[in-house]
Amino acid sequence: MKLKNIKKLQTKIKTHIRKKALLRTKARLAEKGIDINDLTKEELEIIIKDEEDKLIGEYKNKTIMALLVALGIGSF
């Protein structure tokens, strides 16, 4: 794979994670009855970053579990 293609893929993945984190942030704020417009950019960015970190962790766990299952090591 060329470096250009890898960069393009990384950008696409980051964009996907960012969009999903934003949706989760909106849902999280709605559950708490907080209007997104009441937050500063910094506060909103912190919450979105937290959701991004959670998503990345979830994706890593799923990847590891899939690898273990593929190797026949996983137990369910």
PDB file of N, CA and C in Angstrom:
ATOM      1  N   MET A   1       0.840  -1.187   0.000  1.00  0.00           N
ATOM      2  CA  MET A   1       0.000   0.000   0.000  1.00  0.00           C
ATOM      3  C   MET A   1       0.885   1.251   0.000  1.00  0.00           C
ATOM      4  N   LYS A   2       0.517   2.188  -0.780  1.00  0.00           N
ATOM      5  CA  LYS A   2       1.288   3.417  -0.860  1.00  0.00           C
ATOM      6  C   LYS A   2       0.992   4.296   0.341  1.00  0.00           C
ATOM      7  N   LEU A   3       1.964   5.122   0.685  1.00  0.00           N
ATOM      8  CA  LEU A   3       1.828   6.035   1.820  1.00  0.00           C
ATOM      9  C   LEU A   3       0.630   6.961   1.642  1.00  0.00           C
ATOM     10  N   LYS A   4       0.387   7.382   0.423  1.00  0.00           N
ATOM     11  CA  LYS A   4      -0.743   8.273   0.135  1.00  0.00           C
ATOM     12  C   LYS A   4      -2.069   7.592   0.466  1.00  0.00           C
ATOM     13  N   ASN A   5      -2.178   6.317   0.111  1.00  0.00           N
ATOM     14  CA  ASN A   5      -3.392   5.558   0.393  1.00  0.00           C
ATOM     15  C   ASN A   5      -3.580   5.345   1.890  1.00  0.00           C
ATOM     16  N   ILE A   6      -2.493   5.119   2.594  1.00  0.00           N
ATOM     17  CA  ILE A   6      -2.560   4.928   4.044  1.00  0.00           C
ATOM     18  C   ILE A   6      -3.035   6.208   4.721  1.00  0.00           C
ATOM     19  N   LYS A   7      -2.490   7.335   4.305  1.00  0.00           N
ATOM     20  CA  LYS A   7      -2.903   8.632   4.860  1.00  0.00           C
ATOM     21  C   LYS A   7      -4.386   8.881   4.602  1.00  0.00           C
ATOM     22  N   LYS A   8      -4.823   8.547   3.397  1.00  0.00           N
ATOM     23  CA  LYS A   8      -6.229   8.738   3.019  1.00  0.00           C
ATOM     24  C   LYS A   8      -7.131   7.868   3.893  1.00  0.00           C
ATOM     25  N   LEU A   9      -6.721   6.629   4.126  1.00  0.00           N
ATOM     26  CA  LEU A   9      -7.480   5.714   4.967  1.00  0.00           C
ATOM     27  C   LEU A   9      -7.521   6.214   6.415  1.00  0.00           C
ATOM     28  N   GLN A  10      -6.388   6.685   6.924  1.00  0.00           N
ATOM     29  CA  GLN A  10      -6.336   7.219   8.280  1.00  0.00           C
ATOM     30  C   GLN A  10      -7.279   8.406   8.441  1.00  0.00           C
ATOM     31  N   THR A  11      -7.289   9.286   7.460  1.00  0.00           N
ATOM     32  CA  THR A  11      -8.170  10.446   7.493  1.00  0.00           C
ATOM     33  C   THR A  11      -9.629  10.020   7.485  1.00  0.00           C
ATOM     34  N   LYS A  12      -9.945   9.036   6.673  1.00  0.00           N
ATOM     35  CA  LYS A  12     -11.314   8.539   6.585  1.00  0.00           C
ATOM     36  C   LYS A  12     -11.754   7.926   7.915  1.00  0.00           C
ATOM     37  N   ILE A  13     -10.878   7.171   8.544  1.00  0.00           N
ATOM     38  CA  ILE A  13     -11.199   6.551   9.833  1.00  0.00           C
ATOM     39  C   ILE A  13     -11.381   7.617  10.910  1.00  0.00           C
ATOM     40  N   LYS A  14     -10.481   8.586  10.953  1.00  0.00           N
ATOM     41  CA  LYS A  14     -10.586   9.666  11.941  1.00  0.00           C
ATOM     42  C   LYS A  14     -11.885  10.451  11.768  1.00  0.00           C
ATOM     43  N   THR A  15     -12.260  10.703  10.530  1.00  0.00           N
ATOM     44  CA  THR A  15     -13.503  11.421  10.243  1.00  0.00           C
ATOM     45  C   THR A  15     -14.709  10.617  10.718  1.00  0.00           C
ATOM     46  N   HIS A  16     -14.695   9.322  10.459  1.00  0.00           N
ATOM     47  CA  HIS A  16     -15.786   8.448  10.895  1.00  0.00           C
ATOM     48  C   HIS A  16     -15.910   8.458  12.419  1.00  0.00           C
ATOM     49  N   ILE A  17     -14.789   8.310  13.097  1.00  0.00           N
ATOM     50  CA  ILE A  17     -14.791   8.304  14.562  1.00  0.00           C
ATOM     51  C   ILE A  17     -15.276   9.643  15.097  1.00  0.00           C
ATOM     52  N   ARG A  18     -14.840  10.728  14.499  1.00  0.00           N
ATOM     53  CA  ARG A  18     -15.243  12.066  14.934  1.00  0.00           C
ATOM     54  C   ARG A  18     -16.760  12.247  14.798  1.00  0.00           C
ATOM     55  N   LYS A  19     -17.317  11.837  13.645  1.00  0.00           N
ATOM     56  CA  LYS A  19     -18.758  11.977  13.430  1.00  0.00           C
ATOM     57  C   LYS A  19     -19.553  11.143  14.431  1.00  0.00           C
ATOM     58  N   LYS A  20     -19.099   9.921  14.658  1.00  0.00           N
ATOM     59  CA  LYS A  20     -19.788   9.051  15.597  1.00  0.00           C
ATOM     60  C   LYS A  20     -19.679   9.598  17.018  1.00  0.00           C
ATOM     61  N   ALA A  21     -18.526  10.154  17.371  1.00  0.00           N
ATOM     62  CA  ALA A  21     -18.336  10.748  18.695  1.00  0.00           C
ATOM     63  C   ALA A  21     -19.240  11.963  18.875  1.00  0.00           C
ATOM     64  N   LEU A  22     -19.409  12.745  17.827  1.00  0.00           N
ATOM     65  CA  LEU A  22     -20.292  13.913  17.894  1.00  0.00           C
ATOM     66  C   LEU A  22     -21.741  13.484  18.124  1.00  0.00           C
ATOM     67  N   LEU A  23     -22.156  12.433  17.426  1.00  0.00           N
ATOM     68  CA  LEU A  23     -23.517  11.915  17.623  1.00  0.00           C
ATOM     69  C   LEU A  23     -23.712  11.413  19.052  1.00  0.00           C
ATOM     70  N   ARG A  24     -22.717  10.711  19.563  1.00  0.00           N
ATOM     71  CA  ARG A  24     -22.799  10.220  20.941  1.00  0.00           C
ATOM     72  C   ARG A  24     -22.815  11.377  21.938  1.00  0.00           C
ATOM     73  N   THR A  25     -22.051  12.412  21.643  1.00  0.00           N
ATOM     74  CA  THR A  25     -22.015  13.583  22.515  1.00  0.00           C
ATOM     75  C   THR A  25     -23.375  14.252  22.562  1.00  0.00           C
ATOM     76  N   LYS A  26     -23.988  14.419  21.395  1.00  0.00           N
ATOM     77  CA  LYS A  26     -25.322  15.029  21.340  1.00  0.00           C
ATOM     78  C   LYS A  26     -26.324  14.202  22.135  1.00  0.00           C
ATOM     79  N   ALA A  27     -26.250  12.890  22.005  1.00  0.00           N
ATOM     80  CA  ALA A  27     -27.163  12.011  22.747  1.00  0.00           C
ATOM     81  C   ALA A  27     -26.906  12.105  24.252  1.00  0.00           C
ATOM     82  N   ARG A  28     -25.642  12.121  24.614  1.00  0.00           N
ATOM     83  CA  ARG A  28     -25.255  12.224  26.031  1.00  0.00           C
ATOM     84  C   ARG A  28     -25.768  13.516  26.651  1.00  0.00           C
ATOM     85  N   LEU A  29     -25.625  14.607  25.918  1.00  0.00           N
ATOM     86  CA  LEU A  29     -26.092  15.906  26.419  1.00  0.00           C
ATOM     87  C   LEU A  29     -27.618  15.950  26.483  1.00  0.00           C
ATOM     88  N   ALA A  30     -28.271  15.360  25.486  1.00  0.00           N
ATOM     89  CA  ALA A  30     -29.737  15.337  25.473  1.00  0.00           C
ATOM     90  C   ALA A  30     -30.276  14.552  26.664  1.00  0.00           C
ATOM     91  N   GLU A  31     -29.619  13.445  27.005  1.00  0.00           N
ATOM     92  CA  GLU A  31     -30.039  12.647  28.165  1.00  0.00           C
ATOM     93  C   GLU A  31     -29.977  13.459  29.455  1.00  0.00           C
ATOM     94  N   LYS A  32     -28.977  14.334  29.514  1.00  0.00           N
ATOM     95  CA  LYS A  32     -28.793  15.144  30.716  1.00  0.00           C
ATOM     96  C   LYS A  32     -29.556  16.461  30.648  1.00  0.00           C
ATOM     97  N   GLY A  33     -30.226  16.703  29.528  1.00  0.00           N
ATOM     98  CA  GLY A  33     -31.004  17.923  29.378  1.00  0.00           C
ATOM     99  C   GLY A  33     -30.156  19.170  29.177  1.00  0.00           C
ATOM    100  N   ILE A  34     -28.985  18.987  28.608  1.00  0.00           N
ATOM    101  CA  ILE A  34     -28.078  20.112  28.367  1.00  0.00           C
ATOM    102  C   ILE A  34     -28.136  20.488  26.890  1.00  0.00           C
ATOM    103  N   ASP A  35     -28.302  21.777  26.628  1.00  0.00           N
ATOM    104  CA  ASP A  35     -28.306  22.265  25.252  1.00  0.00           C
ATOM    105  C   ASP A  35     -26.859  22.424  24.792  1.00  0.00           C
ATOM    106  N   ILE A  36     -26.567  21.898  23.629  1.00  0.00           N
ATOM    107  CA  ILE A  36     -25.201  21.931  23.100  1.00  0.00           C
ATOM    108  C   ILE A  36     -24.703  23.369  22.929  1.00  0.00           C
ATOM    109  N   ASN A  37     -25.605  24.288  22.697  1.00  0.00           N
ATOM    110  CA  ASN A  37     -25.229  25.690  22.501  1.00  0.00           C
ATOM    111  C   ASN A  37     -24.860  26.391  23.806  1.00  0.00           C
ATOM    112  N   ASP A  38     -25.174  25.763  24.949  1.00  0.00           N
ATOM    113  CA  ASP A  38     -24.825  26.344  26.239  1.00  0.00           C
ATOM    114  C   ASP A  38     -23.375  26.079  26.630  1.00  0.00           C
ATOM    115  N   LEU A  39     -22.706  25.214  25.887  1.00  0.00           N
ATOM    116  CA  LEU A  39     -21.320  24.861  26.201  1.00  0.00           C
ATOM    117  C   LEU A  39     -20.345  25.717  25.396  1.00  0.00           C
ATOM    118  N   THR A  40     -19.183  25.939  25.972  1.00  0.00           N
ATOM    119  CA  THR A  40     -18.123  26.628  25.235  1.00  0.00           C
ATOM    120  C   THR A  40     -17.496  25.631  24.263  1.00  0.00           C
ATOM    121  N   LYS A  41     -16.734  26.132  23.304  1.00  0.00           N
ATOM    122  CA  LYS A  41     -16.058  25.254  22.346  1.00  0.00           C
ATOM    123  C   LYS A  41     -15.107  24.297  23.064  1.00  0.00           C
ATOM    124  N   GLU A  42     -14.451  24.803  24.097  1.00  0.00           N
ATOM    125  CA  GLU A  42     -13.500  23.986  24.844  1.00  0.00           C
ATOM    126  C   GLU A  42     -14.213  22.852  25.587  1.00  0.00           C
ATOM    127  N   GLU A  43     -15.338  23.173  26.227  1.00  0.00           N
ATOM    128  CA  GLU A  43     -16.098  22.154  26.948  1.00  0.00           C
ATOM    129  C   GLU A  43     -16.621  21.086  25.990  1.00  0.00           C
ATOM    130  N   LEU A  44     -17.133  21.526  24.864  1.00  0.00           N
ATOM    131  CA  LEU A  44     -17.657  20.600  23.865  1.00  0.00           C
ATOM    132  C   LEU A  44     -16.536  19.717  23.311  1.00  0.00           C
ATOM    133  N   GLU A  45     -15.403  20.305  23.060  1.00  0.00           N
ATOM    134  CA  GLU A  45     -14.265  19.549  22.530  1.00  0.00           C
ATOM    135  C   GLU A  45     -13.806  18.477  23.528  1.00  0.00           C
ATOM    136  N   ILE A  46     -13.824  18.789  24.805  1.00  0.00           N
ATOM    137  CA  ILE A  46     -13.439  17.814  25.835  1.00  0.00           C
ATOM    138  C   ILE A  46     -14.394  16.624  25.832  1.00  0.00           C
ATOM    139  N   ILE A  47     -15.680  16.910  25.733  1.00  0.00           N
ATOM    140  CA  ILE A  47     -16.679  15.837  25.737  1.00  0.00           C
ATOM    141  C   ILE A  47     -16.551  14.984  24.472  1.00  0.00           C
ATOM    142  N   ILE A  48     -16.361  15.629  23.337  1.00  0.00           N
ATOM    143  CA  ILE A  48     -16.214  14.895  22.077  1.00  0.00           C
ATOM    144  C   ILE A  48     -14.954  14.034  22.116  1.00  0.00           C
ATOM    145  N   LYS A  49     -13.862  14.584  22.621  1.00  0.00           N
ATOM    146  CA  LYS A  49     -12.601  13.831  22.730  1.00  0.00           C
ATOM    147  C   LYS A  49     -12.783  12.610  23.625  1.00  0.00           C
ATOM    148  N   ASP A  50     -13.531  12.757  24.707  1.00  0.00           N
ATOM    149  CA  ASP A  50     -13.813  11.635  25.599  1.00  0.00           C
ATOM    150  C   ASP A  50     -14.568  10.536  24.846  1.00  0.00           C
ATOM    151  N   GLU A  51     -15.547  10.918  24.043  1.00  0.00           N
ATOM    152  CA  GLU A  51     -16.300   9.948  23.257  1.00  0.00           C
ATOM    153  C   GLU A  51     -15.423   9.288  22.194  1.00  0.00           C
ATOM    154  N   GLU A  52     -14.526  10.074  21.586  1.00  0.00           N
ATOM    155  CA  GLU A  52     -13.601   9.505  20.603  1.00  0.00           C
ATOM    156  C   GLU A  52     -12.716   8.451  21.259  1.00  0.00           C
ATOM    157  N   ASP A  53     -12.207   8.752  22.451  1.00  0.00           N
ATOM    158  CA  ASP A  53     -11.358   7.802  23.169  1.00  0.00           C
ATOM    159  C   ASP A  53     -12.118   6.525  23.503  1.00  0.00           C
ATOM    160  N   LYS A  54     -13.370   6.665  23.899  1.00  0.00           N
ATOM    161  CA  LYS A  54     -14.199   5.491  24.187  1.00  0.00           C
ATOM    162  C   LYS A  54     -14.395   4.640  22.926  1.00  0.00           C
ATOM    163  N   LEU A  55     -14.680   5.301  21.816  1.00  0.00           N
ATOM    164  CA  LEU A  55     -14.882   4.585  20.551  1.00  0.00           C
ATOM    165  C   LEU A  55     -13.621   3.834  20.127  1.00  0.00           C
ATOM    166  N   ILE A  56     -12.486   4.495  20.221  1.00  0.00           N
ATOM    167  CA  ILE A  56     -11.222   3.865  19.840  1.00  0.00           C
ATOM    168  C   ILE A  56     -10.972   2.638  20.721  1.00  0.00           C
ATOM    169  N   GLY A  57     -11.245   2.767  22.009  1.00  0.00           N
ATOM    170  CA  GLY A  57     -11.102   1.637  22.921  1.00  0.00           C
ATOM    171  C   GLY A  57     -12.030   0.487  22.546  1.00  0.00           C
ATOM    172  N   GLU A  58     -13.267   0.811  22.209  1.00  0.00           N
ATOM    173  CA  GLU A  58     -14.225  -0.213  21.796  1.00  0.00           C
ATOM    174  C   GLU A  58     -13.754  -0.917  20.522  1.00  0.00           C
ATOM    175  N   TYR A  59     -13.274  -0.140  19.553  1.00  0.00           N
ATOM    176  CA  TYR A  59     -12.800  -0.728  18.303  1.00  0.00           C
ATOM    177  C   TYR A  59     -11.589  -1.629  18.551  1.00  0.00           C
ATOM    178  N   LYS A  60     -10.697  -1.208  19.435  1.00  0.00           N
ATOM    179  CA  LYS A  60      -9.527  -2.026  19.756  1.00  0.00           C
ATOM    180  C   LYS A  60      -9.953  -3.338  20.397  1.00  0.00           C
ATOM    181  N   ASN A  61     -10.884  -3.277  21.340  1.00  0.00           N
ATOM    182  CA  ASN A  61     -11.354  -4.494  22.001  1.00  0.00           C
ATOM    183  C   ASN A  61     -12.007  -5.448  21.009  1.00  0.00           C
ATOM    184  N   LYS A  62     -12.813  -4.903  20.110  1.00  0.00           N
ATOM    185  CA  LYS A  62     -13.469  -5.746  19.108  1.00  0.00           C
ATOM    186  C   LYS A  62     -12.445  -6.385  18.176  1.00  0.00           C
ATOM    187  N   THR A  63     -11.425  -5.627  17.823  1.00  0.00           N
ATOM    188  CA  THR A  63     -10.384  -6.144  16.943  1.00  0.00           C
ATOM    189  C   THR A  63      -9.627  -7.275  17.625  1.00  0.00           C
ATOM    190  N   ILE A  64      -9.288  -7.087  18.878  1.00  0.00           N
ATOM    191  CA  ILE A  64      -8.563  -8.111  19.626  1.00  0.00           C
ATOM    192  C   ILE A  64      -9.421  -9.371  19.763  1.00  0.00           C
ATOM    193  N   MET A  65     -10.711  -9.184  20.081  1.00  0.00           N
ATOM    194  CA  MET A  65     -11.604 -10.336  20.212  1.00  0.00           C
ATOM    195  C   MET A  65     -11.729 -11.076  18.881  1.00  0.00           C
ATOM    196  N   ALA A  66     -11.841 -10.364  17.794  1.00  0.00           N
ATOM    197  CA  ALA A  66     -11.938 -10.997  16.479  1.00  0.00           C
ATOM    198  C   ALA A  66     -10.670 -11.784  16.169  1.00  0.00           C
ATOM    199  N   LEU A  67      -9.535 -11.226  16.523  1.00  0.00           N
ATOM    200  CA  LEU A  67      -8.255 -11.917  16.301  1.00  0.00           C
ATOM    201  C   LEU A  67      -8.188 -13.189  17.136  1.00  0.00           C
ATOM    202  N   LEU A  68      -8.605 -13.099  18.405  1.00  0.00           N
ATOM    203  CA  LEU A  68      -8.578 -14.281  19.267  1.00  0.00           C
ATOM    204  C   LEU A  68      -9.516 -15.374  18.750  1.00  0.00           C
ATOM    205  N   VAL A  69     -10.681 -14.969  18.296  1.00  0.00           N
ATOM    206  CA  VAL A  69     -11.634 -15.931  17.741  1.00  0.00           C
ATOM    207  C   VAL A  69     -11.052 -16.570  16.487  1.00  0.00           C
ATOM    208  N   ALA A  70     -10.437 -15.769  15.646  1.00  0.00           N
ATOM    209  CA  ALA A  70      -9.850 -16.287  14.413  1.00  0.00           C
ATOM    210  C   ALA A  70      -8.729 -17.297  14.717  1.00  0.00           C
ATOM    211  N   LEU A  71      -8.028 -17.069  15.822  1.00  0.00           N
ATOM    212  CA  LEU A  71      -6.957 -17.976  16.209  1.00  0.00           C
ATOM    213  C   LEU A  71      -7.477 -19.144  17.046  1.00  0.00           C
ATOM    214  N   GLY A  72      -8.755 -19.121  17.379  1.00  0.00           N
ATOM    215  CA  GLY A  72      -9.332 -20.194  18.172  1.00  0.00           C
ATOM    216  C   GLY A  72      -9.028 -20.106  19.644  1.00  0.00           C
ATOM    217  N   ILE A  73      -8.637 -18.918  20.098  1.00  0.00           N
ATOM    218  CA  ILE A  73      -8.253 -18.724  21.497  1.00  0.00           C
ATOM    219  C   ILE A  73      -9.395 -18.154  22.312  1.00  0.00           C
ATOM    220  N   GLY A  74     -10.295 -17.419  21.680  1.00  0.00           N
ATOM    221  CA  GLY A  74     -11.382 -16.743  22.380  1.00  0.00           C
ATOM    222  C   GLY A  74     -12.335 -17.727  23.045  1.00  0.00           C
ATOM    223  N   SER A  75     -12.851 -17.337  24.183  1.00  0.00           N
ATOM    224  CA  SER A  75     -13.835 -18.174  24.870  1.00  0.00           C
ATOM    225  C   SER A  75     -15.109 -17.371  25.069  1.00  0.00           C
ATOM    226  N   PHE A  76     -16.218 -18.003  24.746  1.00  0.00           N
ATOM    227  CA  PHE A  76     -17.485 -17.301  24.861  1.00  0.00           C
ATOM    228  C   PHE A  76     -18.402 -18.059  25.757  1.00  0.00           C
TER     229      PHE A  76
END
